[in-house]
Protein backbone atom coordinates (compact mmCIF):
# COMPACT_ATOMS: atom_id res chain seq x y z
CA MET A 1 0.00 0.00 0.00
CA SER A 2 1.52 3.32 -1.09
CA ILE A 3 1.56 6.33 1.21
CA PRO A 4 -1.35 8.60 0.22
CA PHE A 5 -1.14 12.32 -0.58
CA ASP A 6 2.63 12.00 -1.35
CA LEU A 7 3.45 12.14 2.36
CA SER A 8 6.89 11.16 3.60
CA ILE A 9 7.20 8.25 6.01
CA GLY A 10 7.70 10.71 8.88
CA SER A 11 4.64 12.77 7.92
CA ALA A 12 2.52 9.63 7.56
CA ALA A 13 3.60 8.44 11.02
CA TYR A 14 2.80 11.87 12.43
CA MET A 15 -0.70 11.71 10.90
CA LEU A 16 -1.34 8.30 12.49
CA VAL A 17 -0.46 9.79 15.88
CA VAL A 18 -2.78 12.74 15.19
CA LEU A 19 -5.61 10.35 14.26
CA PHE A 20 -5.08 8.35 17.43
CA VAL A 21 -5.20 11.43 19.67
CA ALA A 22 -8.22 12.82 17.81
CA SER A 23 -10.09 9.51 18.04
CA PHE A 24 -9.31 9.23 21.76
CA VAL A 25 -10.86 12.67 22.27
CA ARG A 26 -13.90 11.61 20.23
CA GLY A 27 -14.33 8.42 22.23
CA TYR A 28 -14.16 10.40 25.43
CA SER A 29 -16.15 13.54 24.68
CA GLY A 30 -18.07 12.91 21.43
CA PHE A 31 -16.57 15.85 19.53
CA GLY A 32 -13.23 17.19 18.35
CA PHE A 33 -12.15 14.33 16.06
CA ALA A 34 -12.38 16.19 12.76
CA ALA A 35 -11.17 19.51 14.19
CA LEU A 36 -8.08 17.93 15.75
CA ALA A 37 -7.28 15.74 12.75
CA VAL A 38 -7.69 18.49 10.14
CA SER A 39 -5.83 21.06 12.26
CA GLY A 40 -3.01 18.58 12.77
CA ALA A 41 -2.96 17.74 9.06
CA SER A 42 -2.55 21.41 8.13
CA LEU A 43 1.03 21.26 9.47
CA VAL A 44 2.18 18.66 6.91
CA MET A 45 -0.26 18.80 3.97
CA ASN A 46 -3.13 20.64 2.33
CA PRO A 47 -5.76 20.19 5.06
CA MET A 48 -8.62 19.98 2.55
CA MET A 49 -7.14 16.72 1.25
CA MET A 50 -7.58 15.22 4.71
CA VAL A 51 -11.18 16.29 5.27
CA GLY A 52 -12.63 13.42 3.24
CA VAL A 53 -10.54 10.86 5.16
CA VAL A 54 -11.55 12.33 8.49
CA LEU A 55 -15.26 12.43 7.69
CA CYS A 56 -15.21 8.83 6.43
CA LEU A 57 -13.51 7.69 9.63
CA ASP A 58 -15.85 9.79 11.75
CA PHE A 59 -18.86 8.13 10.12
CA LEU A 60 -17.47 4.59 10.48
CA LEU A 61 -16.54 5.13 14.13
CA THR A 62 -20.18 5.79 14.99
CA PHE A 63 -20.97 2.10 14.48
CA GLN A 64 -18.40 1.30 17.16
CA GLN A 65 -20.06 3.65 19.65
CA TRP A 66 -23.75 3.25 18.77
CA ARG A 67 -24.66 0.68 21.42
CA GLY A 68 -23.24 2.83 24.20
CA VAL A 69 -24.91 6.10 23.18
CA ALA A 70 -28.27 5.23 21.57
CA ARG A 71 -30.40 5.67 24.68
CA ASP A 72 -28.95 9.13 25.46
CA VAL A 73 -29.52 10.81 22.05
CA ALA A 74 -31.71 13.93 22.11
CA TRP A 75 -33.50 13.41 18.79
CA ASN A 76 -35.49 16.62 19.23
CA ARG A 77 -32.18 18.42 18.74
CA VAL A 78 -30.70 16.16 16.06
CA VAL A 79 -33.50 16.51 13.49
CA PRO A 80 -33.68 20.34 13.25
CA LEU A 81 -29.88 20.61 13.46
CA LEU A 82 -29.56 18.27 10.49
CA CYS A 83 -32.24 20.08 8.49
CA GLY A 84 -30.42 23.40 8.91
CA ALA A 85 -27.07 21.84 8.05
CA VAL A 86 -28.33 20.24 4.84
CA VAL A 87 -29.47 23.64 3.57
CA ALA A 88 -26.13 25.38 4.26
CA LEU A 89 -23.62 22.62 3.45
CA PRO A 90 -23.52 23.04 -0.37
CA LEU A 91 -22.72 26.74 0.01
CA GLY A 92 -19.89 26.01 2.43
CA LEU A 93 -18.37 23.40 0.13
CA TRP A 94 -18.57 25.69 -2.87
CA ALA A 95 -16.86 28.51 -0.95
CA ILE A 96 -13.98 26.45 0.45
CA THR A 97 -13.16 24.91 -2.94
CA GLN A 98 -12.57 28.40 -4.36
CA VAL A 99 -9.55 29.18 -2.15
CA PRO A 100 -5.90 27.99 -2.38
CA PRO A 101 -4.34 25.70 0.29
CA ASP A 102 -2.71 28.43 2.38
CA ALA A 103 -5.93 30.43 2.44
CA ALA A 104 -7.74 27.25 3.54
CA ARG A 105 -5.20 26.87 6.36
CA VAL A 106 -5.91 30.42 7.51
CA VAL A 107 -9.69 29.94 7.35
CA ILE A 108 -9.48 26.68 9.32
CA ALA A 109 -7.07 28.06 11.93
CA VAL A 110 -9.04 31.26 12.56
CA TYR A 111 -12.31 29.36 12.75
CA VAL A 112 -10.88 26.86 15.26
CA LEU A 113 -9.38 29.62 17.41
CA VAL A 114 -12.69 31.49 17.53
CA MET A 115 -14.55 28.31 18.50
CA CYS A 116 -11.96 27.48 21.16
CA ALA A 117 -12.25 30.98 22.63
CA VAL A 118 -16.04 30.70 22.78
CA LEU A 119 -15.88 27.24 24.38
CA MET A 120 -13.31 28.35 26.96
CA ARG A 121 -15.29 31.51 27.73
CA GLY A 122 -18.17 29.33 28.85
CA PHE A 123 -21.20 31.33 27.70
CA VAL A 124 -24.50 30.35 29.28
CA VAL A 125 -27.92 30.33 27.60
CA THR A 126 -30.77 30.27 30.10
CA ALA A 127 -33.79 30.64 27.79
CA PRO A 128 -35.25 27.41 26.36
CA GLN A 129 -34.06 26.70 22.81
CA GLY A 130 -36.59 25.34 20.33
CA VAL A 131 -36.70 24.08 16.77
CA ARG A 132 -35.80 27.45 15.18
CA ALA A 133 -32.72 27.89 17.36
CA HIS A 134 -31.60 24.31 16.68
CA GLY A 135 -32.15 24.80 12.95
CA GLY A 136 -30.19 28.06 12.95
CA MET A 137 -27.28 26.38 14.67
CA GLY A 138 -27.54 23.62 12.07
CA VAL A 139 -26.99 26.22 9.33
CA ILE A 140 -23.75 27.34 11.01
CA SER A 141 -22.70 23.73 11.51
CA GLY A 142 -23.40 22.88 7.87
CA LEU A 143 -21.24 25.75 6.63
CA ALA A 144 -18.44 24.67 8.98
CA ASN A 145 -18.63 21.03 7.89
CA ALA A 146 -17.24 22.05 4.52
CA VAL A 147 -13.88 21.82 6.31
CA GLY A 148 -14.99 18.87 8.42
CA MET A 149 -15.64 20.88 11.57
CA GLY A 150 -19.39 21.03 11.89
CA GLY A 151 -19.21 19.70 15.43
CA LEU A 152 -17.48 22.65 17.08
CA PRO A 153 -20.34 25.19 16.87
CA VAL A 154 -22.82 22.53 18.04
CA ALA A 155 -20.53 21.61 20.94
CA THR A 156 -20.40 25.31 21.86
CA TYR A 157 -24.19 25.53 21.61
CA PHE A 158 -24.73 22.48 23.84
CA ALA A 159 -22.15 23.62 26.38
CA ALA A 160 -23.86 27.02 26.68
CA GLN A 161 -27.12 25.27 27.57
CA GLY A 162 -25.60 23.01 30.18
CA VAL A 163 -26.56 19.79 28.36
CA SER A 164 -25.65 16.78 30.50
CA ALA A 165 -22.38 15.03 29.66
CA ARG A 166 -24.04 11.85 28.41
CA ALA A 167 -26.62 13.64 26.23
CA PHE A 168 -23.91 16.03 24.99
CA ARG A 169 -21.68 13.16 23.89
CA ALA A 170 -24.40 10.90 22.48
CA THR A 171 -26.26 13.60 20.56
CA LEU A 172 -23.07 14.97 18.99
CA ILE A 173 -21.90 11.52 17.93
CA VAL A 174 -25.18 10.68 16.17
CA TYR A 175 -25.71 14.14 14.67
CA LEU A 176 -22.20 14.24 13.22
CA ALA A 177 -22.57 10.75 11.76
CA LEU A 178 -25.74 11.80 9.94
CA LEU A 179 -24.12 15.05 8.82
CA ASP A 180 -21.10 13.11 7.51
CA ALA A 181 -23.44 10.82 5.55
CA VAL A 182 -24.78 13.89 3.75
CA THR A 183 -21.39 15.61 3.38
CA LEU A 184 -19.35 12.74 1.90
CA PRO A 185 -21.26 12.39 -1.43
CA LEU A 186 -21.07 16.15 -1.93
CA MET A 187 -17.33 16.14 -1.25
CA TRP A 188 -16.88 13.35 -3.78
CA TRP A 189 -18.85 15.39 -6.32
CA HIS A 190 -16.52 18.36 -5.68
CA GLY A 191 -13.47 16.12 -6.27
CA LEU A 192 -12.32 16.19 -2.64
CA ILE A 193 -12.45 12.40 -2.19
CA GLY A 194 -10.38 10.12 -4.41
CA ALA A 195 -8.16 7.03 -4.34
CA ASP A 196 -5.71 8.57 -1.84
CA ALA A 197 -8.58 9.21 0.58
CA VAL A 198 -9.61 5.54 0.38
CA VAL A 199 -6.05 4.45 1.21
CA GLY A 200 -5.98 6.95 4.07
CA VAL A 201 -9.21 5.55 5.52
CA VAL A 202 -7.96 1.95 5.30
CA ALA A 203 -4.66 2.88 6.97
CA GLY A 204 -6.19 5.10 9.63
CA LEU A 205 -9.21 3.02 10.66
CA PRO A 206 -7.40 0.56 12.99
CA VAL A 207 -5.69 3.43 14.80
CA ALA A 208 -8.95 5.37 15.10
CA VAL A 209 -10.87 2.32 16.38
CA LEU A 210 -8.26 1.79 19.08
CA GLY A 211 -8.34 5.46 20.08
CA VAL A 212 -12.14 5.54 20.35
CA TRP A 213 -12.17 2.34 22.41
CA LEU A 214 -9.61 3.70 24.86
CA GLY A 215 -11.35 7.09 24.99
CA GLY A 216 -14.69 5.45 25.67
CA ARG A 217 -13.26 3.50 28.58
CA HIS A 218 -11.70 6.68 29.97
CA PHE A 219 -14.99 8.59 29.63
CA PHE A 220 -16.82 6.57 32.23
CA GLY A 221 -14.23 7.12 34.97
CA THR A 222 -13.35 10.82 34.88
CA ASP A 223 -14.86 14.30 34.69
CA PRO A 224 -15.78 15.18 31.06
CA GLN A 225 -15.45 18.90 31.77
CA ASP A 226 -11.78 18.58 32.67
CA PHE A 227 -10.99 16.59 29.56
CA ARG A 228 -13.01 18.94 27.37
CA ARG A 229 -10.80 21.82 28.53
CA PHE A 230 -7.70 19.81 27.66
CA ALA A 231 -9.07 19.02 24.18
CA ILE A 232 -9.91 22.69 23.55
CA GLY A 233 -6.41 23.73 24.60
CA LEU A 234 -4.84 21.17 22.26
CA LEU A 235 -7.04 22.39 19.42
CA ALA A 236 -5.96 25.98 20.04
CA VAL A 237 -2.26 25.03 19.94
CA LEU A 238 -2.66 23.15 16.64
CA ALA A 239 -4.65 26.03 15.15
CA CYS A 240 -1.95 28.53 16.13
CA MET A 241 0.73 26.34 14.54
CA GLY A 242 -1.34 25.97 11.37
CA LEU A 243 -1.89 29.72 11.19
CA ALA A 244 1.84 30.37 11.63
CA LYS A 245 2.65 27.91 8.83
CA ALA A 246 0.19 29.58 6.46
CA VAL A 247 1.43 33.09 7.23
CA LEU A 248 5.15 32.37 7.33
């Protein structure tokens, strides 16, 4: 099996480590896989080339976690979120395919840093949020999923409402799987998924499965809030490094 995306052996090994860390975070908290993997990829390759791989893996990993999260999914949030995302996703994909790789790095890095700042700030929403609010957040999520990061605004939205850790994790996992199922055919149509992406999925899946399994075991024994802060900090560091690479 050849190394996809013309990566060196060192860069390929680095990406496997990134996928493991990102999948561990996903197994633990339910979000952050795509954001961590794409931000990490921006340091060694065009990050848009990695988005298809990450979304494929993200979708497949849901089958590993389904039994443990099914009973905690808030479907009244998932459905309107997905409806809003489906409307906005094509526009996001069209926009991101119009920019060169370094511009994509800047867009991804700035977006991640803004989301990290909002998550760390810990905004609180006290008023009940209904179908319109969920659908509006879905629009934002759909635009962001053009770079594989539709989970971050939804994670921010849930955190602001004080959603319980189990519902937070389960609802994000299922929503993102459904969003990925819609996104992947559109990415293929835009030419963002090819033979290299298939090789990347085959190579990365065992590492990602192991990371999710270990993260899931860790989830049940520790405070999710503490780990969420760690994941946000790691995201911010990777985003800063990606921004520096694009600028310098």
